[in-house]
Amino acid sequence: MTPERRALIVAAASPQQLVDIETRPDVVIAADSGLHAVLAAGWIPDRLIGDLDSVDPAAVEIAAEGGAVVDRHPVGKDETDLELALAAAVDAGATEIQVVVRADGRLDHQLANLFALAKPDWMAAEVRADVGDHVVWVVRGERRLEVGIGQHLALLPIGGPARVTTRGVAFSLADEVLSPFDGRGIANEAIESVVSLTVSDGVVLVVSSPAQADDPDDARA
């Protein structure tokens, strides 16, 4: 059995998003400007990766002097900084990968980051992302998610249809196909503290959203 190895990837994030991470993971990777949040948390990353076009050169020097491997790529590269960081985490033997990133910024970057989470190259690792105050899990096969009862959940197939079975949610699925082109997986809710999913075909992003008391879309139409 492969020993568990946790990797934390910090992308464009705020230092406050790292406050609840009490124990330093086995591998810490800063993706470009994520270095600023890592340093603010009092850590030196194991690796700094990206084109580094959004990083203070003084921060890069601090990381390098502290022992971080600085992996600089050209600005005109084919991959996003997050893709490079995810690949580095897998190369480091990570079996669990947590990505931390803000929820603001350019829409194309946000979408590219979400798509990158589900790339087959790192399917051997369990991947989750803290995107602002949302959490996104990548689910292939079977996965159990610890959530709060009443937590809002959306099941979003990515890359094509997905065959899904759920347990612990208000609107359950039993070996049913979700299409990425309809909204059936939106506006679900956890009714147990552990939600179980089996994705027998395809891949699903499960998005946990904070409740909005006056949001008219909270209820399923």
C-alpha atoms as a PDB file:
ATOM      1  CA  MET A   1       0.000   0.000   0.000  1.00  0.00           C
ATOM      2  CA  THR A   2       1.320   3.439  -0.945  1.00  0.00           C
ATOM      3  CA  PRO A   3       1.930   5.582   2.165  1.00  0.00           C
ATOM      4  CA  GLU A   4      -0.159   8.733   2.397  1.00  0.00           C
ATOM      5  CA  ARG A   5       1.662  11.892   1.411  1.00  0.00           C
ATOM      6  CA  ARG A   6      -0.127  15.235   1.604  1.00  0.00           C
ATOM      7  CA  ALA A   7       0.689  18.147  -0.659  1.00  0.00           C
ATOM      8  CA  LEU A   8      -0.511  21.713  -0.296  1.00  0.00           C
ATOM      9  CA  ILE A   9      -0.529  23.942  -3.365  1.00  0.00           C
ATOM     10  CA  VAL A  10      -1.002  27.631  -2.673  1.00  0.00           C
ATOM     11  CA  ALA A  11      -1.958  29.621  -5.747  1.00  0.00           C
ATOM     12  CA  ALA A  12      -3.205  33.227  -5.735  1.00  0.00           C
ATOM     13  CA  ALA A  13      -4.523  33.065  -2.178  1.00  0.00           C
ATOM     14  CA  SER A  14      -4.878  35.248   0.878  1.00  0.00           C
ATOM     15  CA  PRO A  15      -2.920  34.411   4.052  1.00  0.00           C
ATOM     16  CA  GLN A  16      -6.228  34.056   5.929  1.00  0.00           C
ATOM     17  CA  GLN A  17      -7.034  30.982   3.843  1.00  0.00           C
ATOM     18  CA  LEU A  18      -4.091  29.152   5.439  1.00  0.00           C
ATOM     19  CA  VAL A  19      -4.989  29.928   9.049  1.00  0.00           C
ATOM     20  CA  ASP A  20      -6.913  26.690   9.613  1.00  0.00           C
ATOM     21  CA  ILE A  21      -4.066  24.494   8.340  1.00  0.00           C
ATOM     22  CA  GLU A  22      -2.453  23.710  11.689  1.00  0.00           C
ATOM     23  CA  THR A  23       0.071  21.092  10.576  1.00  0.00           C
ATOM     24  CA  ARG A  24       2.473  21.693   7.731  1.00  0.00           C
ATOM     25  CA  PRO A  25       1.773  19.159   4.964  1.00  0.00           C
ATOM     26  CA  ASP A  26       4.495  16.846   3.687  1.00  0.00           C
ATOM     27  CA  VAL A  27       4.977  18.989   0.583  1.00  0.00           C
ATOM     28  CA  VAL A  28       4.230  22.707   0.203  1.00  0.00           C
ATOM     29  CA  ILE A  29       4.261  24.169  -3.301  1.00  0.00           C
ATOM     30  CA  ALA A  30       3.775  27.845  -4.075  1.00  0.00           C
ATOM     31  CA  ALA A  31       2.360  28.537  -7.515  1.00  0.00           C
ATOM     32  CA  ASP A  32       3.579  31.957  -8.600  1.00  0.00           C
ATOM     33  CA  SER A  33       2.043  34.677  -6.379  1.00  0.00           C
ATOM     34  CA  GLY A  34       0.911  32.049  -3.888  1.00  0.00           C
ATOM     35  CA  LEU A  35       4.397  32.487  -2.461  1.00  0.00           C
ATOM     36  CA  HIS A  36       3.287  35.653  -0.671  1.00  0.00           C
ATOM     37  CA  ALA A  37       0.591  33.785   1.289  1.00  0.00           C
ATOM     38  CA  VAL A  38       2.988  30.935   2.120  1.00  0.00           C
ATOM     39  CA  LEU A  39       5.609  33.326   3.491  1.00  0.00           C
ATOM     40  CA  ALA A  40       2.943  35.224   5.445  1.00  0.00           C
ATOM     41  CA  ALA A  41       1.963  31.916   7.071  1.00  0.00           C
ATOM     42  CA  GLY A  42       5.537  31.550   8.296  1.00  0.00           C
ATOM     43  CA  TRP A  43       6.504  28.752   5.917  1.00  0.00           C
ATOM     44  CA  ILE A  44       9.132  28.347   3.241  1.00  0.00           C
ATOM     45  CA  PRO A  45       7.728  26.291   0.365  1.00  0.00           C
ATOM     46  CA  ASP A  46       9.520  23.185  -0.802  1.00  0.00           C
ATOM     47  CA  ARG A  47       9.078  24.413  -4.363  1.00  0.00           C
ATOM     48  CA  LEU A  48       8.161  27.690  -6.037  1.00  0.00           C
ATOM     49  CA  ILE A  49       6.870  27.120  -9.546  1.00  0.00           C
ATOM     50  CA  GLY A  50       5.443  29.170 -12.402  1.00  0.00           C
ATOM     51  CA  ASP A  51       6.458  32.034 -14.641  1.00  0.00           C
ATOM     52  CA  LEU A  52       6.828  34.190 -11.491  1.00  0.00           C
ATOM     53  CA  ASP A  53       5.468  37.244 -13.270  1.00  0.00           C
ATOM     54  CA  SER A  54       3.304  38.146 -10.252  1.00  0.00           C
ATOM     55  CA  VAL A  55       5.851  37.618  -7.481  1.00  0.00           C
ATOM     56  CA  ASP A  56       7.935  40.197  -5.665  1.00  0.00           C
ATOM     57  CA  PRO A  57      11.599  39.393  -6.503  1.00  0.00           C
ATOM     58  CA  ALA A  58      12.477  39.945  -2.848  1.00  0.00           C
ATOM     59  CA  ALA A  59      10.028  37.189  -1.884  1.00  0.00           C
ATOM     60  CA  VAL A  60      11.627  34.850  -4.424  1.00  0.00           C
ATOM     61  CA  GLU A  61      15.020  35.561  -2.854  1.00  0.00           C
ATOM     62  CA  ILE A  62      13.680  34.803   0.632  1.00  0.00           C
ATOM     63  CA  ALA A  63      12.245  31.490  -0.571  1.00  0.00           C
ATOM     64  CA  ALA A  64      15.456  30.497  -2.350  1.00  0.00           C
ATOM     65  CA  GLU A  65      17.625  31.392   0.635  1.00  0.00           C
ATOM     66  CA  GLY A  66      15.282  29.341   2.828  1.00  0.00           C
ATOM     67  CA  GLY A  67      15.855  26.238   0.723  1.00  0.00           C
ATOM     68  CA  ALA A  68      12.967  26.321  -1.738  1.00  0.00           C
ATOM     69  CA  VAL A  69      13.552  24.927  -5.205  1.00  0.00           C
ATOM     70  CA  VAL A  70      12.744  27.740  -7.629  1.00  0.00           C
ATOM     71  CA  ASP A  71      11.320  26.345 -10.857  1.00  0.00           C
ATOM     72  CA  ARG A  72      10.882  29.302 -13.206  1.00  0.00           C
ATOM     73  CA  HIS A  73       9.033  28.803 -16.503  1.00  0.00           C
ATOM     74  CA  PRO A  74       8.654  31.161 -19.465  1.00  0.00           C
ATOM     75  CA  VAL A  75       5.615  33.435 -19.545  1.00  0.00           C
ATOM     76  CA  GLY A  76       4.638  32.010 -22.934  1.00  0.00           C
ATOM     77  CA  LYS A  77       4.264  28.446 -21.647  1.00  0.00           C
ATOM     78  CA  ASP A  78       1.444  26.057 -22.589  1.00  0.00           C
ATOM     79  CA  GLU A  79       0.453  25.147 -19.013  1.00  0.00           C
ATOM     80  CA  THR A  80      -1.023  27.286 -16.265  1.00  0.00           C
ATOM     81  CA  ASP A  81       0.962  27.777 -13.078  1.00  0.00           C
ATOM     82  CA  LEU A  82      -1.550  25.554 -11.261  1.00  0.00           C
ATOM     83  CA  GLU A  83      -1.065  22.738 -13.777  1.00  0.00           C
ATOM     84  CA  LEU A  84       2.684  22.925 -13.227  1.00  0.00           C
ATOM     85  CA  ALA A  85       2.167  22.837  -9.468  1.00  0.00           C
ATOM     86  CA  LEU A  86      -0.192  19.850  -9.650  1.00  0.00           C
ATOM     87  CA  ALA A  87       2.318  17.965 -11.788  1.00  0.00           C
ATOM     88  CA  ALA A  88       5.065  18.793  -9.281  1.00  0.00           C
ATOM     89  CA  ALA A  89       2.913  17.492  -6.417  1.00  0.00           C
ATOM     90  CA  VAL A  90       2.365  14.191  -8.216  1.00  0.00           C
ATOM     91  CA  ASP A  91       6.086  13.941  -8.992  1.00  0.00           C
ATOM     92  CA  ALA A  92       6.726  14.419  -5.260  1.00  0.00           C
ATOM     93  CA  GLY A  93       4.597  11.350  -4.536  1.00  0.00           C
ATOM     94  CA  ALA A  94       1.498  13.119  -3.228  1.00  0.00           C
ATOM     95  CA  THR A  95      -1.535  10.907  -2.623  1.00  0.00           C
ATOM     96  CA  GLU A  96      -3.653  13.816  -1.362  1.00  0.00           C
ATOM     97  CA  ILE A  97      -3.502  17.287  -2.893  1.00  0.00           C
ATOM     98  CA  GLN A  98      -5.129  20.386  -1.441  1.00  0.00           C
ATOM     99  CA  VAL A  99      -5.184  23.535  -3.551  1.00  0.00           C
ATOM    100  CA  VAL A 100      -5.840  26.929  -1.963  1.00  0.00           C
ATOM    101  CA  VAL A 101      -6.826  29.828  -4.204  1.00  0.00           C
ATOM    102  CA  ARG A 102      -8.952  32.965  -4.054  1.00  0.00           C
ATOM    103  CA  ALA A 103     -12.360  33.039  -5.743  1.00  0.00           C
ATOM    104  CA  ASP A 104     -11.855  36.399  -7.430  1.00  0.00           C
ATOM    105  CA  GLY A 105      -9.884  37.439 -10.485  1.00  0.00           C
ATOM    106  CA  ARG A 106     -10.341  36.713 -14.170  1.00  0.00           C
ATOM    107  CA  LEU A 107     -13.130  34.316 -15.088  1.00  0.00           C
ATOM    108  CA  ASP A 108     -11.000  32.484 -17.664  1.00  0.00           C
ATOM    109  CA  HIS A 109      -8.346  31.814 -15.026  1.00  0.00           C
ATOM    110  CA  GLN A 110     -10.947  30.546 -12.561  1.00  0.00           C
ATOM    111  CA  LEU A 111     -12.438  28.162 -15.117  1.00  0.00           C
ATOM    112  CA  ALA A 112      -9.008  26.939 -16.218  1.00  0.00           C
ATOM    113  CA  ASN A 113      -8.101  26.225 -12.591  1.00  0.00           C
ATOM    114  CA  LEU A 114     -11.263  24.164 -12.050  1.00  0.00           C
ATOM    115  CA  PHE A 115     -10.707  22.198 -15.255  1.00  0.00           C
ATOM    116  CA  ALA A 116      -7.080  21.578 -14.303  1.00  0.00           C
ATOM    117  CA  LEU A 117      -8.117  19.918 -11.039  1.00  0.00           C
ATOM    118  CA  ALA A 118      -9.732  17.064 -12.973  1.00  0.00           C
ATOM    119  CA  LYS A 119      -6.886  16.411 -15.409  1.00  0.00           C
ATOM    120  CA  PRO A 120      -6.291  12.641 -15.720  1.00  0.00           C
ATOM    121  CA  ASP A 121      -2.543  13.071 -15.120  1.00  0.00           C
ATOM    122  CA  TRP A 122      -3.134  13.273 -11.342  1.00  0.00           C
ATOM    123  CA  MET A 123      -6.070  10.896 -11.054  1.00  0.00           C
ATOM    124  CA  ALA A 124      -4.074   8.666  -8.683  1.00  0.00           C
ATOM    125  CA  ALA A 125      -4.251  11.402  -6.017  1.00  0.00           C
ATOM    126  CA  GLU A 126      -7.300  12.681  -4.156  1.00  0.00           C
ATOM    127  CA  VAL A 127      -7.662  16.326  -5.140  1.00  0.00           C
ATOM    128  CA  ARG A 128      -9.613  19.081  -3.422  1.00  0.00           C
ATOM    129  CA  ALA A 129      -9.492  22.840  -3.731  1.00  0.00           C
ATOM    130  CA  ASP A 130     -10.443  25.589  -1.312  1.00  0.00           C
ATOM    131  CA  VAL A 131     -11.661  28.319  -3.650  1.00  0.00           C
ATOM    132  CA  GLY A 132     -12.430  31.318  -1.482  1.00  0.00           C
ATOM    133  CA  ASP A 133     -15.113  30.051   0.909  1.00  0.00           C
ATOM    134  CA  HIS A 134     -16.101  27.210  -1.434  1.00  0.00           C
ATOM    135  CA  VAL A 135     -14.642  23.696  -1.466  1.00  0.00           C
ATOM    136  CA  VAL A 136     -14.301  21.643  -4.645  1.00  0.00           C
ATOM    137  CA  TRP A 137     -13.607  17.905  -4.626  1.00  0.00           C
ATOM    138  CA  VAL A 138     -12.667  15.861  -7.684  1.00  0.00           C
ATOM    139  CA  VAL A 139     -14.486  12.529  -7.609  1.00  0.00           C
ATOM    140  CA  ARG A 140     -13.624   9.472  -9.659  1.00  0.00           C
ATOM    141  CA  GLY A 141     -14.638   6.054  -8.425  1.00  0.00           C
ATOM    142  CA  GLU A 142     -15.653   6.094  -4.751  1.00  0.00           C
ATOM    143  CA  ARG A 143     -15.098   8.963  -2.349  1.00  0.00           C
ATOM    144  CA  ARG A 144     -16.426   9.942   1.080  1.00  0.00           C
ATOM    145  CA  LEU A 145     -16.686  13.646   1.841  1.00  0.00           C
ATOM    146  CA  GLU A 146     -16.896  15.083   5.345  1.00  0.00           C
ATOM    147  CA  VAL A 147     -19.348  17.981   5.220  1.00  0.00           C
ATOM    148  CA  GLY A 148     -21.726  19.816   7.503  1.00  0.00           C
ATOM    149  CA  ILE A 149     -25.344  18.706   7.625  1.00  0.00           C
ATOM    150  CA  GLY A 150     -27.321  21.201   5.566  1.00  0.00           C
ATOM    151  CA  GLN A 151     -24.286  22.096   3.468  1.00  0.00           C
ATOM    152  CA  HIS A 152     -25.124  23.135  -0.084  1.00  0.00           C
ATOM    153  CA  LEU A 153     -23.620  20.793  -2.672  1.00  0.00           C
ATOM    154  CA  ALA A 154     -23.510  20.737  -6.461  1.00  0.00           C
ATOM    155  CA  LEU A 155     -22.453  17.739  -8.542  1.00  0.00           C
ATOM    156  CA  LEU A 156     -20.963  18.921 -11.820  1.00  0.00           C
ATOM    157  CA  PRO A 157     -19.800  16.405 -14.441  1.00  0.00           C
ATOM    158  CA  ILE A 158     -16.741  17.608 -16.298  1.00  0.00           C
ATOM    159  CA  GLY A 159     -15.412  16.424 -19.636  1.00  0.00           C
ATOM    160  CA  GLY A 160     -18.599  14.534 -20.484  1.00  0.00           C
ATOM    161  CA  PRO A 161     -21.468  12.647 -18.832  1.00  0.00           C
ATOM    162  CA  ALA A 162     -20.882  10.838 -15.536  1.00  0.00           C
ATOM    163  CA  ARG A 163     -22.698   7.895 -13.966  1.00  0.00           C
ATOM    164  CA  VAL A 164     -23.243   8.669 -10.285  1.00  0.00           C
ATOM    165  CA  THR A 165     -24.588   7.065  -7.120  1.00  0.00           C
ATOM    166  CA  THR A 166     -24.925   9.164  -3.972  1.00  0.00           C
ATOM    167  CA  ARG A 167     -25.656   8.625  -0.302  1.00  0.00           C
ATOM    168  CA  GLY A 168     -26.249  11.239   2.369  1.00  0.00           C
ATOM    169  CA  VAL A 169     -27.781  13.963   0.180  1.00  0.00           C
ATOM    170  CA  ALA A 170     -31.342  15.232  -0.094  1.00  0.00           C
ATOM    171  CA  PHE A 171     -31.714  14.440  -3.798  1.00  0.00           C
ATOM    172  CA  SER A 172     -30.120  11.040  -4.212  1.00  0.00           C
ATOM    173  CA  LEU A 173     -28.906   9.374  -7.385  1.00  0.00           C
ATOM    174  CA  ALA A 174     -28.792   5.626  -7.977  1.00  0.00           C
ATOM    175  CA  ASP A 175     -26.444   4.747 -10.833  1.00  0.00           C
ATOM    176  CA  GLU A 176     -27.828   7.637 -12.868  1.00  0.00           C
ATOM    177  CA  VAL A 177     -26.198   9.680 -15.605  1.00  0.00           C
ATOM    178  CA  LEU A 178     -25.548  13.384 -15.115  1.00  0.00           C
ATOM    179  CA  SER A 179     -24.894  15.505 -18.173  1.00  0.00           C
ATOM    180  CA  PRO A 180     -22.584  18.535 -18.101  1.00  0.00           C
ATOM    181  CA  PHE A 181     -25.204  20.364 -20.165  1.00  0.00           C
ATOM    182  CA  ASP A 182     -28.086  20.335 -17.675  1.00  0.00           C
ATOM    183  CA  GLY A 183     -28.542  21.519 -14.110  1.00  0.00           C
ATOM    184  CA  ARG A 184     -29.782  18.384 -12.396  1.00  0.00           C
ATOM    185  CA  GLY A 185     -26.764  18.212 -10.110  1.00  0.00           C
ATOM    186  CA  ILE A 186     -27.195  21.772  -8.836  1.00  0.00           C
ATOM    187  CA  ALA A 187     -28.708  22.748  -5.461  1.00  0.00           C
ATOM    188  CA  ASN A 188     -28.362  19.519  -3.532  1.00  0.00           C
ATOM    189  CA  GLU A 189     -27.909  19.397   0.229  1.00  0.00           C
ATOM    190  CA  ALA A 190     -26.091  17.169   2.698  1.00  0.00           C
ATOM    191  CA  ILE A 191     -28.403  15.367   5.130  1.00  0.00           C
ATOM    192  CA  GLU A 192     -25.567  13.400   6.750  1.00  0.00           C
ATOM    193  CA  SER A 193     -22.158  14.512   7.982  1.00  0.00           C
ATOM    194  CA  VAL A 194     -20.454  12.150   5.541  1.00  0.00           C
ATOM    195  CA  VAL A 195     -21.584  12.105   1.921  1.00  0.00           C
ATOM    196  CA  SER A 196     -20.636   9.090  -0.184  1.00  0.00           C
ATOM    197  CA  LEU A 197     -20.331   9.196  -3.953  1.00  0.00           C
ATOM    198  CA  THR A 198     -19.585   6.524  -6.497  1.00  0.00           C
ATOM    199  CA  VAL A 199     -18.724   7.713  -9.985  1.00  0.00           C
ATOM    200  CA  SER A 200     -18.550   4.538 -12.041  1.00  0.00           C
ATOM    201  CA  ASP A 201     -17.966   6.374 -15.304  1.00  0.00           C
ATOM    202  CA  GLY A 202     -16.640   9.884 -15.869  1.00  0.00           C
ATOM    203  CA  VAL A 203     -15.517  12.507 -13.368  1.00  0.00           C
ATOM    204  CA  VAL A 204     -17.495  14.886 -11.167  1.00  0.00           C
ATOM    205  CA  LEU A 205     -16.611  18.116  -9.406  1.00  0.00           C
ATOM    206  CA  VAL A 206     -18.490  18.359  -6.114  1.00  0.00           C
ATOM    207  CA  VAL A 207     -18.801  21.986  -5.038  1.00  0.00           C
ATOM    208  CA  SER A 208     -19.662  22.909  -1.464  1.00  0.00           C
ATOM    209  CA  SER A 209     -21.034  26.436  -1.201  1.00  0.00           C
ATOM    210  CA  PRO A 210     -21.764  28.550   1.870  1.00  0.00           C
ATOM    211  CA  ALA A 211     -25.468  29.028   2.505  1.00  0.00           C
ATOM    212  CA  GLN A 212     -26.946  32.344   1.409  1.00  0.00           C
ATOM    213  CA  ALA A 213     -30.063  33.091   3.423  1.00  0.00           C
ATOM    214  CA  ASP A 214     -31.716  35.206   0.750  1.00  0.00           C
ATOM    215  CA  ASP A 215     -30.485  33.343  -2.330  1.00  0.00           C
ATOM    216  CA  PRO A 216     -33.516  32.415  -4.472  1.00  0.00           C
ATOM    217  CA  ASP A 217     -31.481  29.670  -6.143  1.00  0.00           C
ATOM    218  CA  ASP A 218     -30.916  27.798  -2.888  1.00  0.00           C
ATOM    219  CA  ALA A 219     -34.073  25.770  -3.391  1.00  0.00           C
ATOM    220  CA  ARG A 220     -34.409  23.308  -6.244  1.00  0.00           C
ATOM    221  CA  ALA A 221     -37.051  24.510  -8.701  1.00  0.00           C
END
